[in-house]
């Protein structure tokens, strides 16, 4: 029986210009998932448990996205740059 839920988490940090850009794109793209608890944004500078998870799994520098089970098992690491590359450009709109 496998009824584990998967959670998408964006790890960010303070004083990190790329983090701000990625965080905005993440909020737009995963608005429903954030509302339902299926996605989250965590600031590594403010969350000690997240820092420990980041170190234990030797994750790349923030911003970085991870997919975990609801009990915290790491499933996948996704470079945050992929989120920006997937964003449609807003040039010429208005």
Protein backbone atom coordinates (compact mmCIF):
# COMPACT_ATOMS: atom_id res chain seq x y z
CA UNK A 1 0.00 0.00 0.00
CA UNK A 2 1.62 3.21 -1.15
CA UNK A 3 -0.31 6.30 -0.22
CA UNK A 4 2.63 8.59 0.37
CA UNK A 5 2.19 12.17 -0.72
CA UNK A 6 4.92 14.01 -2.61
CA UNK A 7 5.88 17.56 -1.68
CA UNK A 8 7.68 20.04 -3.94
CA UNK A 9 9.88 22.42 -1.96
CA UNK A 10 11.83 25.44 -3.14
CA UNK A 11 14.83 26.22 -0.94
CA UNK A 12 15.79 29.91 -0.97
CA UNK A 13 18.04 32.17 1.07
CA UNK A 14 18.48 35.73 2.27
CA UNK A 15 20.50 38.18 0.17
CA UNK A 16 20.20 35.92 -2.86
CA UNK A 17 19.04 37.82 -5.99
CA UNK A 18 18.49 34.62 -8.02
CA UNK A 19 16.33 33.28 -5.16
CA UNK A 20 13.94 36.22 -5.44
CA UNK A 21 13.44 35.72 -9.18
CA UNK A 22 12.95 31.96 -8.82
CA UNK A 23 10.60 32.40 -5.85
CA UNK A 24 8.31 34.68 -7.88
CA UNK A 25 8.23 32.19 -10.77
CA UNK A 26 7.58 29.33 -8.32
CA UNK A 27 4.66 31.21 -6.71
CA UNK A 28 3.07 31.83 -10.13
CA UNK A 29 3.56 28.33 -11.48
CA UNK A 30 2.66 26.37 -8.33
CA UNK A 31 -0.02 28.66 -6.86
CA UNK A 32 -2.58 25.86 -6.41
CA UNK A 33 -0.02 23.41 -5.05
CA UNK A 34 1.18 25.96 -2.48
CA UNK A 35 -2.42 26.58 -1.39
CA UNK A 36 -3.09 22.86 -1.00
CA UNK A 37 0.16 22.13 0.84
CA UNK A 38 1.66 20.10 -2.03
CA UNK A 39 4.38 22.74 -2.54
CA UNK A 40 6.29 25.00 -0.17
CA UNK A 41 8.96 27.68 -0.11
CA UNK A 42 11.56 27.39 2.65
CA UNK A 43 14.24 29.95 3.49
CA UNK A 44 17.41 28.10 4.48
CA UNK A 45 18.60 31.10 6.50
CA UNK A 46 15.52 30.87 8.72
CA UNK A 47 14.84 27.13 9.03
CA UNK A 48 17.32 24.96 10.92
CA UNK A 49 15.60 21.67 9.98
CA UNK A 50 15.81 22.64 6.30
CA UNK A 51 19.51 23.48 6.70
CA UNK A 52 20.13 20.04 8.17
CA UNK A 53 18.20 18.35 5.32
CA UNK A 54 20.17 20.41 2.77
CA UNK A 55 23.52 19.39 4.31
CA UNK A 56 22.58 15.72 4.77
CA UNK A 57 21.64 15.43 1.10
CA UNK A 58 24.54 17.53 -0.21
CA UNK A 59 22.17 19.74 -2.20
CA UNK A 60 23.39 22.49 -4.56
CA UNK A 61 23.31 26.13 -3.49
CA UNK A 62 19.94 27.85 -3.25
CA UNK A 63 17.75 28.36 -5.10
CA UNK A 64 17.05 24.66 -5.59
CA UNK A 65 13.85 22.62 -5.74
CA UNK A 66 13.41 19.17 -4.25
CA UNK A 67 10.66 16.58 -4.35
CA UNK A 68 10.24 14.61 -1.13
CA UNK A 69 7.75 12.19 0.35
CA UNK A 70 5.52 13.54 3.08
CA UNK A 71 7.86 11.92 5.63
CA UNK A 72 10.91 13.73 4.22
CA UNK A 73 12.55 11.11 1.98
CA UNK A 74 14.34 12.79 -0.94
CA UNK A 75 13.01 11.70 -4.31
CA UNK A 76 14.45 14.23 -6.76
CA UNK A 77 16.51 17.42 -7.00
CA UNK A 78 15.55 19.98 -9.65
CA UNK A 79 17.75 22.90 -10.59
CA UNK A 80 15.74 26.07 -10.03
CA UNK A 81 17.04 27.49 -13.30
CA UNK A 82 14.75 24.99 -15.06
CA UNK A 83 11.76 26.81 -13.56
CA UNK A 84 12.89 30.11 -15.07
CA UNK A 85 13.55 28.51 -18.45
CA UNK A 86 10.03 27.04 -18.41
CA UNK A 87 8.40 30.40 -17.68
CA UNK A 88 6.81 31.99 -20.74
CA UNK A 89 8.22 35.42 -21.45
CA UNK A 90 5.89 38.37 -20.99
CA UNK A 91 7.44 40.49 -23.73
CA UNK A 92 4.96 42.45 -25.76
CA UNK A 93 2.01 41.76 -23.48
CA UNK A 94 -0.15 44.57 -22.31
